[in-house]
Every structure is written in structure tokens, then in C-alpha cells.
Amino acid sequence: MKGIALILLPCWIRRWEAITPSAFPDTKQQKQLSELMSLWRSAQDQGAAFPPEQQAELDSLVEAELRAATARTAQMQQGNA
């Protein structure tokens, strides 16, 4: 799968905008995640090994993003209750 489409209805957009920024990884983490994903993709495309230290950091950042996404989802669901 190459990408994911996200469709937000107006009611969800309002809830999305109301989510506190503390639920998101900080800007530095987002930038580092993006850079590591780019390096990982390049390594995969070239059939090269991805350094274990970078893989560990990437795994940690992906887990942080997953936790943040879970928190955002829980916040949106609470708004539906």
C-alpha cells in the first residue's frame, strides 16, 4: 500500500481542531520521523541495510506517533459521547 486517504467530515474537522497540541509529538520529533522514514525508504529501494541505531530511533518515533494518534482518537470519541 503506497498511501492512505483521509476524509474528514465538517463535524470531525471541528473536533480535530479542538484537540490540544500536547497530544501530538513535538515538531522536532515530527521532523526526525520524516527524515528517518526517508532514509529507511532509500535503504529499502537500494536493497541496503538500515543501521540498527536508526531503526531503533525510527521504531521509537513510530510508537510515539501511534500513542498520539490513539490519544487523538480517544479525544474525538469522547466528543461523540
C-alpha atoms as a PDB file:
ATOM      1  CA  MET A   1       0.000   0.000   0.000  1.00  0.00           C
ATOM      2  CA  LYS A   2       1.519   3.314  -1.087  1.00  0.00           C
ATOM      3  CA  GLY A   3      -0.665   5.818   0.775  1.00  0.00           C
ATOM      4  CA  ILE A   4      -3.705   6.400   2.884  1.00  0.00           C
ATOM      5  CA  ALA A   5      -6.534   8.783   2.092  1.00  0.00           C
ATOM      6  CA  LEU A   6      -8.115  10.639   4.988  1.00  0.00           C
ATOM      7  CA  ILE A   7     -11.593  12.032   4.571  1.00  0.00           C
ATOM      8  CA  LEU A   8     -12.790  14.417   7.270  1.00  0.00           C
ATOM      9  CA  LEU A   9     -16.379  15.499   7.524  1.00  0.00           C
ATOM     10  CA  PRO A  10     -17.054  19.047   8.781  1.00  0.00           C
ATOM     11  CA  CYS A  11     -18.131  17.806  12.230  1.00  0.00           C
ATOM     12  CA  TRP A  12     -14.867  15.842  12.574  1.00  0.00           C
ATOM     13  CA  ILE A  13     -12.785  18.797  11.402  1.00  0.00           C
ATOM     14  CA  ARG A  14     -14.133  20.931  14.245  1.00  0.00           C
ATOM     15  CA  ARG A  15     -13.296  18.186  16.733  1.00  0.00           C
ATOM     16  CA  TRP A  16      -9.848  17.698  15.138  1.00  0.00           C
ATOM     17  CA  GLU A  17      -9.071  21.412  15.509  1.00  0.00           C
ATOM     18  CA  ALA A  18     -10.143  21.324  19.163  1.00  0.00           C
ATOM     19  CA  ILE A  19      -7.582  18.679  20.088  1.00  0.00           C
ATOM     20  CA  THR A  20      -4.850  20.005  22.310  1.00  0.00           C
ATOM     21  CA  PRO A  21      -1.369  20.203  20.779  1.00  0.00           C
ATOM     22  CA  SER A  22       0.043  18.210  23.710  1.00  0.00           C
ATOM     23  CA  ALA A  23      -1.436  15.077  22.107  1.00  0.00           C
ATOM     24  CA  PHE A  24       0.975  15.393  19.162  1.00  0.00           C
ATOM     25  CA  PRO A  25       4.679  14.582  19.150  1.00  0.00           C
ATOM     26  CA  ASP A  26       6.668  17.812  19.105  1.00  0.00           C
ATOM     27  CA  THR A  27       7.904  19.419  15.889  1.00  0.00           C
ATOM     28  CA  LYS A  28      11.429  18.086  16.387  1.00  0.00           C
ATOM     29  CA  GLN A  29      10.063  14.529  16.654  1.00  0.00           C
ATOM     30  CA  GLN A  30       7.895  15.002  13.560  1.00  0.00           C
ATOM     31  CA  LYS A  31      10.885  16.256  11.560  1.00  0.00           C
ATOM     32  CA  GLN A  32      13.107  13.426  12.786  1.00  0.00           C
ATOM     33  CA  LEU A  33      10.402  10.856  11.973  1.00  0.00           C
ATOM     34  CA  SER A  34      10.093  12.256   8.457  1.00  0.00           C
ATOM     35  CA  GLU A  35      13.864  12.228   7.917  1.00  0.00           C
ATOM     36  CA  LEU A  36      14.269   8.677   9.217  1.00  0.00           C
ATOM     37  CA  MET A  37      11.361   7.435   7.095  1.00  0.00           C
ATOM     38  CA  SER A  38      13.004   8.973   4.036  1.00  0.00           C
ATOM     39  CA  LEU A  39      16.332   7.301   4.880  1.00  0.00           C
ATOM     40  CA  TRP A  40      14.554   3.992   5.524  1.00  0.00           C
ATOM     41  CA  ARG A  41      12.743   4.168   2.173  1.00  0.00           C
ATOM     42  CA  SER A  42      16.005   4.951   0.379  1.00  0.00           C
ATOM     43  CA  ALA A  43      17.704   1.999   2.042  1.00  0.00           C
ATOM     44  CA  GLN A  44      14.796  -0.270   1.071  1.00  0.00           C
ATOM     45  CA  ASP A  45      14.828   0.989  -2.528  1.00  0.00           C
ATOM     46  CA  GLN A  46      18.567   0.356  -2.794  1.00  0.00           C
ATOM     47  CA  GLY A  47      18.446  -3.002  -1.027  1.00  0.00           C
ATOM     48  CA  ALA A  48      20.803  -1.630   1.617  1.00  0.00           C
ATOM     49  CA  ALA A  49      20.817  -2.388   5.329  1.00  0.00           C
ATOM     50  CA  PHE A  50      19.308   0.249   7.606  1.00  0.00           C
ATOM     51  CA  PRO A  51      21.578   0.974  10.598  1.00  0.00           C
ATOM     52  CA  PRO A  52      20.243  -0.631  13.823  1.00  0.00           C
ATOM     53  CA  GLU A  53      20.605   2.630  15.777  1.00  0.00           C
ATOM     54  CA  GLN A  54      18.469   4.483  13.258  1.00  0.00           C
ATOM     55  CA  GLN A  55      15.955   1.619  13.149  1.00  0.00           C
ATOM     56  CA  ALA A  56      15.618   1.753  16.947  1.00  0.00           C
ATOM     57  CA  GLU A  57      15.049   5.518  16.827  1.00  0.00           C
ATOM     58  CA  LEU A  58      12.541   5.137  13.990  1.00  0.00           C
ATOM     59  CA  ASP A  59      10.670   2.435  15.926  1.00  0.00           C
ATOM     60  CA  SER A  60      10.533   4.678  18.984  1.00  0.00           C
ATOM     61  CA  LEU A  61       9.183   7.632  16.997  1.00  0.00           C
ATOM     62  CA  VAL A  62       6.593   5.459  15.235  1.00  0.00           C
ATOM     63  CA  GLU A  63       5.428   4.190  18.632  1.00  0.00           C
ATOM     64  CA  ALA A  64       5.173   7.788  19.898  1.00  0.00           C
ATOM     65  CA  GLU A  65       3.098   8.734  16.842  1.00  0.00           C
ATOM     66  CA  LEU A  66       0.862   5.704  17.397  1.00  0.00           C
ATOM     67  CA  ARG A  67       0.310   6.704  21.040  1.00  0.00           C
ATOM     68  CA  ALA A  68      -0.500  10.269  19.946  1.00  0.00           C
ATOM     69  CA  ALA A  69      -2.928   9.019  17.279  1.00  0.00           C
ATOM     70  CA  THR A  70      -4.598   6.780  19.860  1.00  0.00           C
ATOM     71  CA  ALA A  71      -4.950   9.749  22.221  1.00  0.00           C
ATOM     72  CA  ARG A  72      -6.440  11.897  19.440  1.00  0.00           C
ATOM     73  CA  THR A  73      -8.927   9.156  18.571  1.00  0.00           C
ATOM     74  CA  ALA A  74      -9.963   8.759  22.201  1.00  0.00           C
ATOM     75  CA  GLN A  75     -10.448  12.525  22.457  1.00  0.00           C
ATOM     76  CA  MET A  76     -12.630  12.554  19.347  1.00  0.00           C
ATOM     77  CA  GLN A  77     -14.684   9.617  20.619  1.00  0.00           C
ATOM     78  CA  GLN A  78     -15.285  11.386  23.921  1.00  0.00           C
ATOM     79  CA  GLY A  79     -16.681  14.299  21.935  1.00  0.00           C
ATOM     80  CA  ASN A  80     -19.269  11.922  20.441  1.00  0.00           C
ATOM     81  CA  ALA A  81     -20.493  10.702  23.827  1.00  0.00           C
END
